[in-house]
Amino acid sequence: MLILFNKPYGVLCQFTDRSTPPRPTLASFGLPPLVYPAGRLDFDSEGLLLLTDDGELAHRLTDPGHKQPKTYRVQVEGSPSPAQLAALRDGIALKDGLTRPALARQIDPPALWPRQPPIRERRHIPTAWLELTIREGRNRQIRRMTAAVGLPTLRLVRVAVGPWQLGSLEPGAWAEVRTS
């Protein structure tokens, strides 16, 4: 079984939380029993999360050797220059090493649901939207990459993993899809 889930902002990619006070988790969304996340999204990221009850499929989805492309819509602070986009395409030197080259382009603002809480807005600082596709999944990688080129991430929404797309799923909604 493979579940496509639109993870809302401020939800943990796990079913329990031992923090005080507890934070929202996947347990709040009526997902089928015995599924678990194949990969993860940070608490402050949104969008497509894949869940499965199939260990072999989970391995194919998360193993770096399979290099599943992951595509994001990223709202950044600032206006990207051709040099900043080229740097993202070439790979960024981070503390944990050089990233693989990304597909990176500026896009028009996408039609997305409003985020709660809204992102911060500064009257005199422009924002822009990027589409980034990466084939690795380091901790907070997109945020670190955009910050390294001088474009801090304000909002991060994953829209695709491999062939699976978020489509029209609303935040908190999920759908089961065939895998063969």
N, C-alpha and C. Protein backbone atom coordinates (compact mmCIF):
# COMPACT_ATOMS: atom_id res chain seq x y z
N MET A 1 0.85 -1.17 0.00
CA MET A 1 0.00 0.00 0.00
C MET A 1 0.89 1.24 0.00
N LEU A 2 0.52 2.22 -0.81
CA LEU A 2 1.24 3.50 -0.82
C LEU A 2 0.21 4.61 -0.62
N ILE A 3 0.50 5.47 0.34
CA ILE A 3 -0.38 6.59 0.67
C ILE A 3 0.33 7.89 0.31
N LEU A 4 -0.35 8.77 -0.42
CA LEU A 4 0.11 10.13 -0.66
C LEU A 4 -0.60 11.00 0.36
N PHE A 5 0.15 11.75 1.13
CA PHE A 5 -0.41 12.57 2.20
C PHE A 5 0.10 13.99 2.05
N ASN A 6 -0.78 14.97 2.15
CA ASN A 6 -0.37 16.37 2.13
C ASN A 6 -0.15 16.82 3.58
N LYS A 7 1.11 16.77 3.99
CA LYS A 7 1.45 17.12 5.37
C LYS A 7 1.32 18.63 5.58
N PRO A 8 0.48 19.02 6.53
CA PRO A 8 0.37 20.45 6.83
C PRO A 8 1.60 20.98 7.56
N TYR A 9 1.76 22.28 7.52
CA TYR A 9 2.79 22.97 8.29
C TYR A 9 2.55 22.65 9.77
N GLY A 10 3.62 22.45 10.53
CA GLY A 10 3.49 22.26 11.97
C GLY A 10 3.02 20.89 12.39
N VAL A 11 3.28 19.87 11.58
CA VAL A 11 2.93 18.49 11.93
C VAL A 11 4.21 17.66 11.86
N LEU A 12 4.43 16.82 12.88
CA LEU A 12 5.59 15.93 12.88
C LEU A 12 5.35 14.75 11.95
N CYS A 13 6.40 14.26 11.31
CA CYS A 13 6.32 13.09 10.43
C CYS A 13 6.49 11.80 11.23
N GLN A 14 5.74 11.68 12.29
CA GLN A 14 5.72 10.48 13.12
C GLN A 14 4.35 10.40 13.77
N PHE A 15 4.07 9.26 14.40
CA PHE A 15 2.73 9.04 14.95
C PHE A 15 2.63 9.37 16.44
N THR A 16 3.77 9.58 17.10
CA THR A 16 3.73 9.95 18.52
C THR A 16 4.72 11.08 18.76
N ASP A 17 4.49 11.81 19.85
CA ASP A 17 5.40 12.88 20.25
C ASP A 17 5.47 12.89 21.76
N ARG A 18 6.67 12.85 22.28
CA ARG A 18 6.85 12.83 23.74
C ARG A 18 7.14 14.21 24.30
N SER A 19 7.08 15.26 23.47
CA SER A 19 7.34 16.62 23.96
C SER A 19 6.21 17.09 24.86
N THR A 20 6.52 18.11 25.64
CA THR A 20 5.51 18.75 26.47
C THR A 20 5.50 20.22 26.11
N PRO A 21 4.41 20.76 25.63
CA PRO A 21 3.18 20.03 25.25
C PRO A 21 3.40 19.26 23.96
N PRO A 22 2.61 18.20 23.75
CA PRO A 22 2.78 17.41 22.53
C PRO A 22 2.43 18.24 21.28
N ARG A 23 3.16 17.96 20.21
CA ARG A 23 2.91 18.63 18.93
C ARG A 23 2.02 17.75 18.07
N PRO A 24 1.35 18.33 17.06
CA PRO A 24 0.52 17.51 16.17
C PRO A 24 1.36 16.47 15.43
N THR A 25 0.80 15.28 15.27
CA THR A 25 1.49 14.18 14.59
C THR A 25 0.61 13.59 13.49
N LEU A 26 1.13 12.61 12.79
CA LEU A 26 0.37 11.92 11.75
C LEU A 26 -0.84 11.17 12.30
N ALA A 27 -0.84 10.87 13.59
CA ALA A 27 -1.95 10.13 14.20
C ALA A 27 -3.27 10.90 14.12
N SER A 28 -3.21 12.20 13.86
CA SER A 28 -4.42 13.03 13.83
C SER A 28 -5.20 12.97 12.52
N PHE A 29 -4.73 12.20 11.53
CA PHE A 29 -5.29 12.33 10.18
C PHE A 29 -6.00 11.09 9.65
N GLY A 30 -6.29 10.11 10.49
CA GLY A 30 -7.07 8.95 10.06
C GLY A 30 -6.38 8.10 9.01
N LEU A 31 -5.06 8.05 9.06
CA LEU A 31 -4.32 7.24 8.10
C LEU A 31 -4.54 5.76 8.38
N PRO A 32 -4.41 4.91 7.36
CA PRO A 32 -4.60 3.47 7.59
C PRO A 32 -3.61 2.93 8.61
N PRO A 33 -3.98 1.87 9.31
CA PRO A 33 -3.06 1.28 10.29
C PRO A 33 -1.86 0.63 9.60
N LEU A 34 -0.76 0.56 10.32
CA LEU A 34 0.45 -0.14 9.93
C LEU A 34 1.22 0.52 8.78
N VAL A 35 0.91 1.77 8.45
CA VAL A 35 1.75 2.49 7.50
C VAL A 35 2.73 3.36 8.26
N TYR A 36 3.85 3.64 7.62
CA TYR A 36 4.85 4.51 8.24
C TYR A 36 5.46 5.37 7.14
N PRO A 37 6.02 6.52 7.51
CA PRO A 37 6.57 7.42 6.49
C PRO A 37 7.78 6.80 5.78
N ALA A 38 7.81 6.96 4.47
CA ALA A 38 8.96 6.60 3.65
C ALA A 38 9.66 7.92 3.33
N GLY A 39 10.54 8.33 4.22
CA GLY A 39 11.15 9.65 4.14
C GLY A 39 10.49 10.55 5.16
N ARG A 40 10.83 11.83 5.09
CA ARG A 40 10.24 12.75 6.05
C ARG A 40 10.24 14.16 5.50
N LEU A 41 9.46 14.99 6.14
CA LEU A 41 9.45 16.43 5.92
C LEU A 41 9.60 17.08 7.28
N ASP A 42 10.34 18.16 7.35
CA ASP A 42 10.51 18.85 8.62
C ASP A 42 9.18 19.39 9.14
N PHE A 43 9.13 19.64 10.43
CA PHE A 43 7.96 20.20 11.11
C PHE A 43 7.44 21.44 10.40
N ASP A 44 8.37 22.29 9.92
CA ASP A 44 7.97 23.56 9.30
C ASP A 44 7.92 23.50 7.77
N SER A 45 7.92 22.29 7.21
CA SER A 45 7.75 22.11 5.77
C SER A 45 6.39 21.48 5.52
N GLU A 46 5.92 21.63 4.28
CA GLU A 46 4.58 21.16 3.92
C GLU A 46 4.65 20.28 2.68
N GLY A 47 3.56 19.61 2.40
CA GLY A 47 3.43 18.95 1.11
C GLY A 47 3.50 17.44 1.15
N LEU A 48 3.92 16.87 0.02
CA LEU A 48 3.82 15.44 -0.22
C LEU A 48 4.72 14.62 0.70
N LEU A 49 4.07 13.73 1.44
CA LEU A 49 4.75 12.74 2.27
C LEU A 49 4.20 11.38 1.84
N LEU A 50 5.10 10.44 1.57
CA LEU A 50 4.69 9.09 1.19
C LEU A 50 4.72 8.21 2.42
N LEU A 51 3.68 7.38 2.58
CA LEU A 51 3.63 6.41 3.68
C LEU A 51 3.32 5.06 3.07
N THR A 52 3.87 4.01 3.67
CA THR A 52 3.67 2.67 3.14
C THR A 52 3.71 1.63 4.25
N ASP A 53 3.16 0.46 3.95
CA ASP A 53 3.29 -0.69 4.83
C ASP A 53 4.24 -1.72 4.21
N ASP A 54 4.91 -1.36 3.13
CA ASP A 54 5.77 -2.25 2.35
C ASP A 54 7.24 -1.85 2.57
N GLY A 55 7.97 -2.67 3.32
CA GLY A 55 9.36 -2.36 3.64
C GLY A 55 10.25 -2.25 2.42
N GLU A 56 10.05 -3.10 1.43
CA GLU A 56 10.86 -3.05 0.21
C GLU A 56 10.61 -1.74 -0.55
N LEU A 57 9.35 -1.34 -0.65
CA LEU A 57 9.02 -0.07 -1.30
C LEU A 57 9.61 1.10 -0.52
N ALA A 58 9.50 1.07 0.79
CA ALA A 58 10.07 2.15 1.61
C ALA A 58 11.58 2.27 1.36
N HIS A 59 12.25 1.13 1.24
CA HIS A 59 13.70 1.15 0.98
C HIS A 59 13.98 1.79 -0.38
N ARG A 60 13.22 1.40 -1.41
CA ARG A 60 13.43 1.99 -2.75
C ARG A 60 13.18 3.49 -2.75
N LEU A 61 12.24 3.94 -1.94
CA LEU A 61 11.90 5.36 -1.90
C LEU A 61 12.92 6.19 -1.14
N THR A 62 13.57 5.61 -0.15
CA THR A 62 14.43 6.39 0.73
C THR A 62 15.92 6.13 0.56
N ASP A 63 16.29 5.02 -0.04
CA ASP A 63 17.70 4.69 -0.17
C ASP A 63 18.38 5.66 -1.15
N PRO A 64 19.47 6.32 -0.72
CA PRO A 64 20.15 7.26 -1.60
C PRO A 64 20.62 6.63 -2.92
N GLY A 65 20.86 5.33 -2.92
CA GLY A 65 21.27 4.66 -4.15
C GLY A 65 20.24 4.70 -5.25
N HIS A 66 18.97 4.85 -4.89
CA HIS A 66 17.91 4.90 -5.89
C HIS A 66 17.67 6.31 -6.42
N LYS A 67 18.19 7.31 -5.71
CA LYS A 67 18.17 8.71 -6.16
C LYS A 67 16.81 9.18 -6.68
N GLN A 68 15.77 8.96 -5.89
CA GLN A 68 14.43 9.43 -6.27
C GLN A 68 14.43 10.95 -6.34
N PRO A 69 14.02 11.54 -7.44
CA PRO A 69 13.93 13.01 -7.48
C PRO A 69 12.81 13.51 -6.58
N LYS A 70 13.07 14.59 -5.88
CA LYS A 70 12.07 15.24 -5.02
C LYS A 70 11.97 16.69 -5.48
N THR A 71 10.75 17.12 -5.77
CA THR A 71 10.54 18.47 -6.30
C THR A 71 9.80 19.32 -5.28
N TYR A 72 10.29 20.55 -5.13
CA TYR A 72 9.77 21.48 -4.13
C TYR A 72 9.42 22.82 -4.78
N ARG A 73 8.42 23.47 -4.22
CA ARG A 73 8.14 24.88 -4.49
C ARG A 73 8.66 25.62 -3.26
N VAL A 74 9.53 26.60 -3.48
CA VAL A 74 10.24 27.25 -2.39
C VAL A 74 10.08 28.76 -2.50
N GLN A 75 9.47 29.35 -1.49
CA GLN A 75 9.40 30.81 -1.43
C GLN A 75 10.63 31.29 -0.69
N VAL A 76 11.37 32.19 -1.33
CA VAL A 76 12.61 32.69 -0.75
C VAL A 76 12.53 34.20 -0.56
N GLU A 77 13.34 34.67 0.37
CA GLU A 77 13.47 36.10 0.61
C GLU A 77 14.53 36.62 -0.36
N GLY A 78 14.14 37.61 -1.15
CA GLY A 78 15.05 38.18 -2.13
C GLY A 78 14.65 37.82 -3.55
N SER A 79 15.37 38.36 -4.50
CA SER A 79 15.15 38.09 -5.92
C SER A 79 16.37 37.33 -6.44
N PRO A 80 16.18 36.09 -6.90
CA PRO A 80 17.33 35.30 -7.32
C PRO A 80 18.00 35.87 -8.57
N SER A 81 19.31 35.88 -8.54
CA SER A 81 20.09 36.30 -9.70
C SER A 81 20.42 35.05 -10.52
N PRO A 82 20.80 35.24 -11.79
CA PRO A 82 21.26 34.08 -12.57
C PRO A 82 22.41 33.34 -11.89
N ALA A 83 23.31 34.07 -11.21
CA ALA A 83 24.44 33.42 -10.54
C ALA A 83 23.96 32.56 -9.36
N GLN A 84 22.97 33.03 -8.61
CA GLN A 84 22.44 32.23 -7.49
C GLN A 84 21.77 30.95 -8.00
N LEU A 85 21.00 31.06 -9.08
CA LEU A 85 20.35 29.88 -9.65
C LEU A 85 21.40 28.91 -10.19
N ALA A 86 22.43 29.45 -10.84
CA ALA A 86 23.51 28.61 -11.36
C ALA A 86 24.22 27.87 -10.23
N ALA A 87 24.44 28.54 -9.11
CA ALA A 87 25.09 27.90 -7.96
C ALA A 87 24.25 26.72 -7.46
N LEU A 88 22.93 26.89 -7.39
CA LEU A 88 22.06 25.80 -6.97
C LEU A 88 22.14 24.64 -7.96
N ARG A 89 22.22 24.96 -9.24
CA ARG A 89 22.31 23.92 -10.28
C ARG A 89 23.65 23.18 -10.24
N ASP A 90 24.70 23.88 -9.81
CA ASP A 90 26.04 23.28 -9.81
C ASP A 90 26.30 22.43 -8.57
N GLY A 91 25.58 22.68 -7.48
CA GLY A 91 25.85 22.01 -6.21
C GLY A 91 26.41 23.03 -5.23
N ILE A 92 26.02 22.91 -3.99
CA ILE A 92 26.38 23.87 -2.95
C ILE A 92 27.27 23.18 -1.92
N ALA A 93 28.34 23.85 -1.52
CA ALA A 93 29.20 23.33 -0.46
C ALA A 93 28.55 23.64 0.88
N LEU A 94 28.09 22.59 1.57
CA LEU A 94 27.51 22.71 2.90
C LEU A 94 28.49 22.11 3.90
N LYS A 95 28.22 22.27 5.19
CA LYS A 95 29.13 21.74 6.22
C LYS A 95 29.30 20.23 6.10
N ASP A 96 28.28 19.53 5.59
CA ASP A 96 28.37 18.08 5.45
C ASP A 96 28.75 17.65 4.04
N GLY A 97 29.31 18.57 3.25
CA GLY A 97 29.81 18.22 1.93
C GLY A 97 29.06 18.91 0.80
N LEU A 98 29.53 18.66 -0.40
CA LEU A 98 28.95 19.26 -1.60
C LEU A 98 27.65 18.54 -1.95
N THR A 99 26.60 19.32 -2.23
CA THR A 99 25.33 18.71 -2.65
C THR A 99 25.44 18.29 -4.11
N ARG A 100 24.59 17.37 -4.49
CA ARG A 100 24.47 17.02 -5.91
C ARG A 100 23.85 18.22 -6.63
N PRO A 101 24.10 18.37 -7.90
CA PRO A 101 23.46 19.45 -8.64
C PRO A 101 21.93 19.32 -8.55
N ALA A 102 21.26 20.45 -8.49
CA ALA A 102 19.79 20.49 -8.43
C ALA A 102 19.26 21.08 -9.73
N LEU A 103 18.05 20.73 -10.05
CA LEU A 103 17.34 21.47 -11.09
C LEU A 103 16.76 22.68 -10.37
N ALA A 104 17.00 23.86 -10.87
CA ALA A 104 16.56 25.08 -10.17
C ALA A 104 16.11 26.11 -11.19
N ARG A 105 14.92 26.64 -10.94
CA ARG A 105 14.42 27.72 -11.80
C ARG A 105 13.47 28.59 -11.00
N GLN A 106 13.37 29.85 -11.40
CA GLN A 106 12.40 30.74 -10.79
C GLN A 106 11.05 30.48 -11.46
N ILE A 107 9.98 30.51 -10.67
CA ILE A 107 8.63 30.28 -11.19
C ILE A 107 7.70 31.39 -10.70
N ASP A 108 6.54 31.48 -11.35
CA ASP A 108 5.50 32.38 -10.86
C ASP A 108 4.97 31.83 -9.54
N PRO A 109 4.41 32.69 -8.69
CA PRO A 109 3.85 32.18 -7.43
C PRO A 109 2.83 31.07 -7.71
N PRO A 110 3.00 29.90 -7.10
CA PRO A 110 2.08 28.79 -7.36
C PRO A 110 0.75 28.99 -6.63
N ALA A 111 -0.27 28.32 -7.14
CA ALA A 111 -1.58 28.33 -6.49
C ALA A 111 -1.54 27.33 -5.34
N LEU A 112 -1.32 27.83 -4.14
CA LEU A 112 -1.24 26.99 -2.95
C LEU A 112 -2.27 27.46 -1.92
N TRP A 113 -2.57 26.61 -1.00
CA TRP A 113 -3.44 26.93 0.13
C TRP A 113 -2.73 27.96 1.01
N PRO A 114 -3.49 28.77 1.75
CA PRO A 114 -2.85 29.70 2.69
C PRO A 114 -2.16 28.92 3.81
N ARG A 115 -1.01 29.38 4.21
CA ARG A 115 -0.30 28.72 5.31
C ARG A 115 -0.73 29.33 6.62
N GLN A 116 -0.91 28.48 7.62
CA GLN A 116 -1.23 28.93 8.96
C GLN A 116 -0.13 28.48 9.91
N PRO A 117 0.57 29.39 10.55
CA PRO A 117 0.45 30.84 10.43
C PRO A 117 1.08 31.33 9.12
N PRO A 118 0.67 32.49 8.65
CA PRO A 118 1.25 33.02 7.41
C PRO A 118 2.75 33.27 7.57
N ILE A 119 3.47 33.28 6.45
CA ILE A 119 4.89 33.60 6.53
C ILE A 119 5.05 35.06 6.88
N ARG A 120 6.22 35.39 7.42
CA ARG A 120 6.47 36.79 7.75
C ARG A 120 6.65 37.57 6.45
N GLU A 121 6.19 38.79 6.44
CA GLU A 121 6.36 39.64 5.27
C GLU A 121 7.05 40.92 5.69
N ARG A 122 8.01 41.33 4.89
CA ARG A 122 8.71 42.59 5.12
C ARG A 122 8.42 43.48 3.92
N ARG A 123 7.89 44.61 4.18
CA ARG A 123 7.41 45.50 3.14
C ARG A 123 8.47 45.84 2.09
N HIS A 124 9.71 46.01 2.50
CA HIS A 124 10.75 46.47 1.58
C HIS A 124 11.66 45.36 1.07
N ILE A 125 11.36 44.11 1.39
CA ILE A 125 12.19 42.99 0.93
C ILE A 125 11.33 42.10 0.04
N PRO A 126 11.70 41.97 -1.23
CA PRO A 126 10.90 41.15 -2.14
C PRO A 126 11.05 39.66 -1.82
N THR A 127 10.09 38.89 -2.30
CA THR A 127 10.19 37.44 -2.22
C THR A 127 10.02 36.89 -3.64
N ALA A 128 10.45 35.66 -3.81
CA ALA A 128 10.33 35.00 -5.11
C ALA A 128 10.06 33.52 -4.86
N TRP A 129 9.59 32.84 -5.89
CA TRP A 129 9.34 31.40 -5.82
C TRP A 129 10.30 30.67 -6.74
N LEU A 130 10.85 29.57 -6.23
CA LEU A 130 11.73 28.71 -7.00
C LEU A 130 11.10 27.32 -7.08
N GLU A 131 11.44 26.60 -8.13
CA GLU A 131 11.18 25.17 -8.19
C GLU A 131 12.53 24.49 -8.14
N LEU A 132 12.73 23.64 -7.14
CA LEU A 132 13.99 22.93 -6.96
C LEU A 132 13.72 21.43 -6.96
N THR A 133 14.52 20.68 -7.71
CA THR A 133 14.45 19.23 -7.70
C THR A 133 15.82 18.71 -7.30
N ILE A 134 15.82 17.88 -6.25
CA ILE A 134 17.06 17.29 -5.76
C ILE A 134 16.94 15.77 -5.78
N ARG A 135 18.08 15.10 -5.73
CA ARG A 135 18.10 13.63 -5.74
C ARG A 135 18.82 13.08 -4.52
N GLU A 136 18.76 13.82 -3.44
CA GLU A 136 19.29 13.37 -2.15
C GLU A 136 18.39 13.97 -1.09
N GLY A 137 18.61 13.65 0.15
CA GLY A 137 17.71 14.15 1.18
C GLY A 137 18.41 14.40 2.50
N ARG A 138 19.35 15.31 2.50
CA ARG A 138 20.03 15.65 3.75
C ARG A 138 19.11 16.46 4.65
N ASN A 139 19.45 16.50 5.92
CA ASN A 139 18.67 17.25 6.89
C ASN A 139 18.56 18.72 6.48
N ARG A 140 17.34 19.19 6.34
CA ARG A 140 17.04 20.59 6.01
C ARG A 140 17.83 21.09 4.79
N GLN A 141 18.03 20.21 3.83
CA GLN A 141 18.90 20.49 2.70
C GLN A 141 18.46 21.68 1.86
N ILE A 142 17.21 21.76 1.48
CA ILE A 142 16.75 22.88 0.64
C ILE A 142 16.97 24.20 1.38
N ARG A 143 16.58 24.25 2.64
CA ARG A 143 16.75 25.48 3.41
C ARG A 143 18.23 25.89 3.50
N ARG A 144 19.09 24.91 3.71
CA ARG A 144 20.52 25.21 3.80
C ARG A 144 21.10 25.65 2.45
N MET A 145 20.61 25.04 1.37
CA MET A 145 21.10 25.41 0.04
C MET A 145 20.70 26.84 -0.32
N THR A 146 19.44 27.18 -0.11
CA THR A 146 19.01 28.54 -0.48
C THR A 146 19.68 29.58 0.42
N ALA A 147 19.85 29.26 1.70
CA ALA A 147 20.53 30.20 2.59
C ALA A 147 21.98 30.40 2.15
N ALA A 148 22.63 29.34 1.70
CA ALA A 148 24.03 29.43 1.29
C ALA A 148 24.23 30.36 0.09
N VAL A 149 23.19 30.53 -0.74
CA VAL A 149 23.32 31.44 -1.89
C VAL A 149 22.68 32.80 -1.59
N GLY A 150 22.29 33.03 -0.33
CA GLY A 150 21.75 34.33 0.05
C GLY A 150 20.27 34.51 -0.17
N LEU A 151 19.53 33.38 -0.24
CA LEU A 151 18.08 33.42 -0.45
C LEU A 151 17.40 32.59 0.63
N PRO A 152 17.22 33.13 1.84
CA PRO A 152 16.62 32.34 2.91
C PRO A 152 15.22 31.83 2.55
N THR A 153 14.95 30.58 2.88
CA THR A 153 13.65 29.98 2.61
C THR A 153 12.62 30.50 3.59
N LEU A 154 11.47 30.93 3.05
CA LEU A 154 10.34 31.36 3.86
C LEU A 154 9.26 30.28 3.93
N ARG A 155 9.05 29.57 2.82
CA ARG A 155 8.04 28.53 2.76
C ARG A 155 8.56 27.42 1.86
N LEU A 156 8.33 26.18 2.28
CA LEU A 156 8.84 25.02 1.55
C LEU A 156 7.73 23.99 1.41
N VAL A 157 7.36 23.69 0.16
CA VAL A 157 6.27 22.75 -0.12
C VAL A 157 6.78 21.69 -1.10
N ARG A 158 6.81 20.42 -0.67
CA ARG A 158 7.20 19.34 -1.59
C ARG A 158 5.99 18.97 -2.43
N VAL A 159 6.19 18.91 -3.75
CA VAL A 159 5.08 18.64 -4.66
C VAL A 159 5.22 17.31 -5.39
N ALA A 160 6.40 16.67 -5.35
CA ALA A 160 6.57 15.39 -6.04
C ALA A 160 7.73 14.61 -5.42
N VAL A 161 7.57 13.29 -5.43
CA VAL A 161 8.64 12.35 -5.08
C VAL A 161 8.59 11.28 -6.16
N GLY A 162 9.69 11.20 -6.94
CA GLY A 162 9.68 10.25 -8.06
C GLY A 162 8.48 10.53 -8.95
N PRO A 163 7.73 9.50 -9.31
CA PRO A 163 6.57 9.71 -10.19
C PRO A 163 5.30 10.18 -9.48
N TRP A 164 5.34 10.25 -8.15
CA TRP A 164 4.14 10.60 -7.40
C TRP A 164 4.05 12.09 -7.16
N GLN A 165 2.88 12.66 -7.43
CA GLN A 165 2.67 14.10 -7.34
C GLN A 165 1.61 14.42 -6.28
N LEU A 166 1.76 15.59 -5.68
CA LEU A 166 0.80 16.06 -4.68
C LEU A 166 -0.56 16.29 -5.31
N GLY A 167 -0.57 16.83 -6.53
CA GLY A 167 -1.84 17.08 -7.22
C GLY A 167 -2.72 18.03 -6.44
N SER A 168 -3.99 17.69 -6.34
CA SER A 168 -4.96 18.59 -5.71
C SER A 168 -5.27 18.21 -4.25
N LEU A 169 -4.46 17.35 -3.64
CA LEU A 169 -4.70 16.99 -2.24
C LEU A 169 -4.59 18.23 -1.36
N GLU A 170 -5.58 18.44 -0.56
CA GLU A 170 -5.58 19.56 0.39
C GLU A 170 -4.74 19.20 1.62
N PRO A 171 -4.26 20.18 2.37
CA PRO A 171 -3.50 19.88 3.58
C PRO A 171 -4.30 18.97 4.52
N GLY A 172 -3.64 17.91 4.98
CA GLY A 172 -4.27 16.95 5.89
C GLY A 172 -5.01 15.84 5.17
N ALA A 173 -5.15 15.92 3.85
CA ALA A 173 -5.85 14.88 3.08
C ALA A 173 -4.85 13.84 2.59
N TRP A 174 -5.34 12.63 2.32
CA TRP A 174 -4.50 11.56 1.82
C TRP A 174 -5.26 10.71 0.82
N ALA A 175 -4.51 10.00 0.00
CA ALA A 175 -5.10 9.10 -1.00
C ALA A 175 -4.20 7.88 -1.15
N GLU A 176 -4.82 6.73 -1.32
CA GLU A 176 -4.06 5.50 -1.59
C GLU A 176 -3.88 5.38 -3.10
N VAL A 177 -2.68 5.01 -3.52
CA VAL A 177 -2.41 4.85 -4.95
C VAL A 177 -1.80 3.48 -5.22
N ARG A 178 -1.93 3.03 -6.44
CA ARG A 178 -1.32 1.75 -6.85
C ARG A 178 0.16 1.96 -7.08
N THR A 179 0.94 0.95 -6.80
CA THR A 179 2.38 1.05 -6.99
C THR A 179 2.87 0.23 -8.17
N SER A 180 2.00 -0.53 -8.82
CA SER A 180 2.46 -1.33 -9.97
C SER A 180 1.63 -1.05 -11.19
